[in-house]
């Protein structure tokens, strides 16, 4: 009998409730009985088999490295193959390098995703926007991405797959068990990214 899918949402800040709602909707669309867990303590990491690192403030997420073994627990599970979705600030936290400029503060990164990112590269809060672009891997001609203080992917490693581009900008990537987006898929009108995460988790069970 297959284990029940348990998706954890890192619950330290960001769009936690929106991701919880999106995962529940994805479970309903896939017609499986899964579990959503809001993760606030390192010891809870072992109970999940998929993780979402929400958007919000990337430096706040980076401070997890100072909270017991939270940082190492997440990285260990990802290294062991646990699927993870990092959105906006979550993408930055997963990356292995960040462009240093006047908008950056020093923060510790997981270094699990072979990309270089730049914080707030699409503009500040008042410059947030929505835009449509295709996602060929999902068979979508139009996906509406919501960009809020969005990071830019400056470069990617040779083992990183491009999932989506907005004009010439890479806005979604995949590397093995890791998915990263510059935008907030939990605020779109489809849960396609959450369904994709669940599919990756089911392949590992």
Protein backbone atom coordinates (compact mmCIF):
# COMPACT_ATOMS: atom_id res chain seq x y z
CA UNK A 1 0.00 0.00 0.00
CA UNK A 2 1.42 3.40 -1.01
CA UNK A 3 2.20 5.83 1.80
CA UNK A 4 -0.02 8.88 2.09
CA UNK A 5 1.53 12.00 0.54
CA UNK A 6 2.49 14.52 3.24
CA UNK A 7 3.41 17.98 1.91
CA UNK A 8 5.02 20.36 4.37
CA UNK A 9 4.79 24.15 4.10
CA UNK A 10 7.65 25.97 5.80
CA UNK A 11 5.61 28.09 8.20
CA UNK A 12 8.01 30.78 9.36
CA UNK A 13 6.66 33.58 7.10
CA UNK A 14 5.20 34.26 3.66
CA UNK A 15 2.09 32.92 1.89
CA UNK A 16 1.67 29.89 4.11
CA UNK A 17 -2.14 29.71 4.08
CA UNK A 18 -2.29 30.29 0.34
CA UNK A 19 0.04 27.34 -0.25
CA UNK A 20 -1.98 25.18 2.16
CA UNK A 21 -5.14 25.99 0.19
CA UNK A 22 -3.38 25.31 -3.13
CA UNK A 23 -2.09 21.91 -2.00
CA UNK A 24 -5.56 20.95 -0.76
CA UNK A 25 -7.01 21.96 -4.14
CA UNK A 26 -4.30 19.97 -5.92
CA UNK A 27 -5.10 16.89 -3.83
CA UNK A 28 -8.76 17.31 -4.78
CA UNK A 29 -7.98 17.65 -8.51
CA UNK A 30 -5.70 14.61 -8.46
CA UNK A 31 -8.30 12.81 -6.32
CA UNK A 32 -5.91 11.59 -3.65
CA UNK A 33 -6.20 11.79 0.11
CA UNK A 34 -3.07 13.65 1.18
CA UNK A 35 -1.81 15.57 4.20
CA UNK A 36 -0.68 19.19 4.48
CA UNK A 37 1.58 20.06 7.39
CA UNK A 38 2.76 23.54 8.43
CA UNK A 39 6.38 23.06 9.49
CA UNK A 40 7.71 25.28 12.27
CA UNK A 41 10.27 23.06 14.02
CA UNK A 42 13.30 21.10 12.72
CA UNK A 43 12.07 17.78 14.08
CA UNK A 44 8.95 18.01 11.91
CA UNK A 45 11.00 17.80 8.70
CA UNK A 46 11.39 14.02 9.01
CA UNK A 47 7.61 13.51 8.94
CA UNK A 48 7.08 14.98 5.47
CA UNK A 49 7.95 13.73 1.97
CA UNK A 50 7.59 17.02 0.08
CA UNK A 51 8.26 20.65 1.05
CA UNK A 52 7.22 24.13 -0.08
CA UNK A 53 9.40 27.11 0.86
CA UNK A 54 7.07 30.11 0.36
CA UNK A 55 7.80 33.60 -0.83
CA UNK A 56 8.12 36.47 1.58
CA UNK A 57 11.35 37.87 2.91
CA UNK A 58 14.37 35.80 1.86
CA UNK A 59 16.59 37.16 4.62
CA UNK A 60 14.02 36.02 7.19
CA UNK A 61 14.10 32.52 5.69
CA UNK A 62 17.90 32.65 5.68
CA UNK A 63 17.88 33.23 9.43
CA UNK A 64 16.69 29.63 9.81
CA UNK A 65 20.39 28.75 9.78
CA UNK A 66 20.54 30.24 13.27
CA UNK A 67 17.60 28.17 14.53
CA UNK A 68 18.88 24.87 15.87
CA UNK A 69 19.45 22.46 12.97
CA UNK A 70 16.57 23.69 10.77
CA UNK A 71 18.88 24.64 7.91
CA UNK A 72 20.80 21.34 7.93
CA UNK A 73 17.61 19.27 8.34
CA UNK A 74 16.06 20.78 5.21
CA UNK A 75 19.23 20.45 3.17
CA UNK A 76 19.72 16.83 4.25
CA UNK A 77 16.20 15.85 3.17
CA UNK A 78 16.58 17.59 -0.19
CA UNK A 79 19.92 15.86 -0.75
CA UNK A 80 18.22 12.54 0.04
CA UNK A 81 15.71 13.25 -2.75
CA UNK A 82 12.75 14.94 -1.07
CA UNK A 83 10.92 17.04 -3.70
CA UNK A 84 10.78 20.75 -2.87
CA UNK A 85 9.14 23.82 -4.39
CA UNK A 86 10.71 27.20 -3.67
CA UNK A 87 8.72 30.28 -4.69
CA UNK A 88 10.11 33.82 -4.90
CA UNK A 89 12.13 34.20 -1.66
CA UNK A 90 12.09 30.41 -1.39
CA UNK A 91 13.86 30.25 -4.75
CA UNK A 92 16.61 32.55 -3.43
CA UNK A 93 17.02 30.42 -0.30
CA UNK A 94 17.46 27.28 -2.41
CA UNK A 95 20.01 28.86 -4.76
CA UNK A 96 23.76 28.39 -4.45
CA UNK A 97 24.68 32.00 -5.16
CA UNK A 98 23.16 35.46 -4.88
CA UNK A 99 24.21 38.60 -6.72
CA UNK A 100 25.55 41.06 -4.19
CA UNK A 101 24.22 44.59 -4.61
CA UNK A 102 22.85 47.43 -2.52
CA UNK A 103 19.52 45.66 -1.99
CA UNK A 104 21.15 42.57 -0.48
CA UNK A 105 21.97 41.77 3.07
CA UNK A 106 24.19 38.87 3.95
CA UNK A 107 22.24 35.65 4.23
CA UNK A 108 22.96 31.96 4.30
CA UNK A 109 21.69 29.95 1.35
CA UNK A 110 20.91 26.24 1.13
CA UNK A 111 22.96 25.91 -2.05
CA UNK A 112 20.79 23.03 -3.31
CA UNK A 113 19.81 24.62 -6.64
CA UNK A 114 22.57 25.43 -9.13
CA UNK A 115 21.47 28.96 -10.02
CA UNK A 116 22.51 32.52 -9.30
CA UNK A 117 19.73 34.86 -8.17
CA UNK A 118 19.27 38.57 -7.57
CA UNK A 119 16.81 39.87 -4.99
CA UNK A 120 14.06 42.37 -5.92
CA UNK A 121 15.35 42.45 -9.50
CA UNK A 122 11.89 42.97 -11.01
CA UNK A 123 11.20 45.93 -8.72
CA UNK A 124 9.96 46.75 -5.23
CA UNK A 125 6.50 46.10 -3.74
CA UNK A 126 4.77 48.94 -5.62
CA UNK A 127 6.20 47.59 -8.88
CA UNK A 128 4.56 44.18 -8.47
CA UNK A 129 2.79 42.91 -11.57
CA UNK A 130 1.06 40.01 -13.31
CA UNK A 131 2.05 38.69 -16.70
CA UNK A 132 1.13 35.80 -18.97
CA UNK A 133 3.66 33.36 -20.39
CA UNK A 134 3.65 29.75 -21.64
CA UNK A 135 4.77 26.69 -19.70
CA UNK A 136 5.42 24.08 -22.42
CA UNK A 137 6.26 21.31 -19.94
CA UNK A 138 2.73 21.54 -18.52
CA UNK A 139 1.11 22.06 -21.92
CA UNK A 140 0.02 25.59 -21.01
CA UNK A 141 -0.01 28.35 -23.63
CA UNK A 142 -0.92 30.96 -21.03
CA UNK A 143 -0.06 30.94 -17.34
CA UNK A 144 -0.58 34.08 -15.27
CA UNK A 145 2.42 34.68 -13.04
CA UNK A 146 2.18 37.02 -10.05
CA UNK A 147 5.49 38.80 -9.41
CA UNK A 148 5.89 40.51 -6.01
CA UNK A 149 9.34 41.92 -5.26
CA UNK A 150 10.42 39.08 -7.50
CA UNK A 151 13.98 37.81 -7.81
CA UNK A 152 15.73 37.33 -11.13
CA UNK A 153 17.57 34.15 -12.14
CA UNK A 154 20.86 35.50 -13.44
CA UNK A 155 22.43 32.19 -14.51
CA UNK A 156 21.80 28.45 -14.31
CA UNK A 157 23.97 25.35 -14.19
CA UNK A 158 24.10 22.83 -17.03
CA UNK A 159 21.92 20.39 -15.06
CA UNK A 160 19.10 22.90 -14.55
CA UNK A 161 16.00 22.63 -16.76
CA UNK A 162 14.14 25.80 -17.78
CA UNK A 163 10.41 25.39 -17.16
CA UNK A 164 9.25 28.87 -18.15
CA UNK A 165 10.41 32.20 -19.51
CA UNK A 166 8.84 35.65 -19.41
CA UNK A 167 10.11 37.26 -22.59
CA UNK A 168 13.84 36.43 -22.34
CA UNK A 169 13.89 36.07 -18.55
CA UNK A 170 13.98 32.62 -16.93
CA UNK A 171 11.22 32.57 -14.32
CA UNK A 172 10.85 28.86 -13.43
CA UNK A 173 13.39 26.03 -13.25
CA UNK A 174 13.77 22.41 -12.20
CA UNK A 175 16.84 20.51 -11.08
CA UNK A 176 16.15 16.90 -10.17
CA UNK A 177 13.77 16.98 -7.21
CA UNK A 178 13.85 20.80 -6.89
CA UNK A 179 11.39 23.25 -8.50
CA UNK A 180 11.94 26.99 -8.26
CA UNK A 181 9.82 29.93 -9.41
CA UNK A 182 10.42 33.70 -9.41
CA UNK A 183 6.66 34.24 -9.11
CA UNK A 184 3.94 33.16 -6.68
CA UNK A 185 2.11 30.13 -8.16
CA UNK A 186 -0.12 29.99 -5.08
CA UNK A 187 -1.70 33.29 -6.23
CA UNK A 188 -2.48 32.12 -9.77
CA UNK A 189 -5.75 30.63 -11.02
CA UNK A 190 -4.26 27.13 -11.38
CA UNK A 191 -2.51 24.76 -8.98
CA UNK A 192 -0.40 23.17 -11.72
CA UNK A 193 2.89 23.69 -9.86
CA UNK A 194 1.48 22.20 -6.67
CA UNK A 195 0.19 19.22 -8.63
CA UNK A 196 3.62 18.79 -10.19
CA UNK A 197 5.23 18.77 -6.74
CA UNK A 198 2.77 16.12 -5.59
CA UNK A 199 3.54 14.03 -8.69
CA UNK A 200 7.26 14.16 -7.89
CA UNK A 201 6.54 13.09 -4.32
CA UNK A 202 4.40 10.15 -5.46
CA UNK A 203 7.30 8.96 -7.63
CA UNK A 204 9.48 8.71 -4.51
CA UNK A 205 7.03 6.71 -2.40
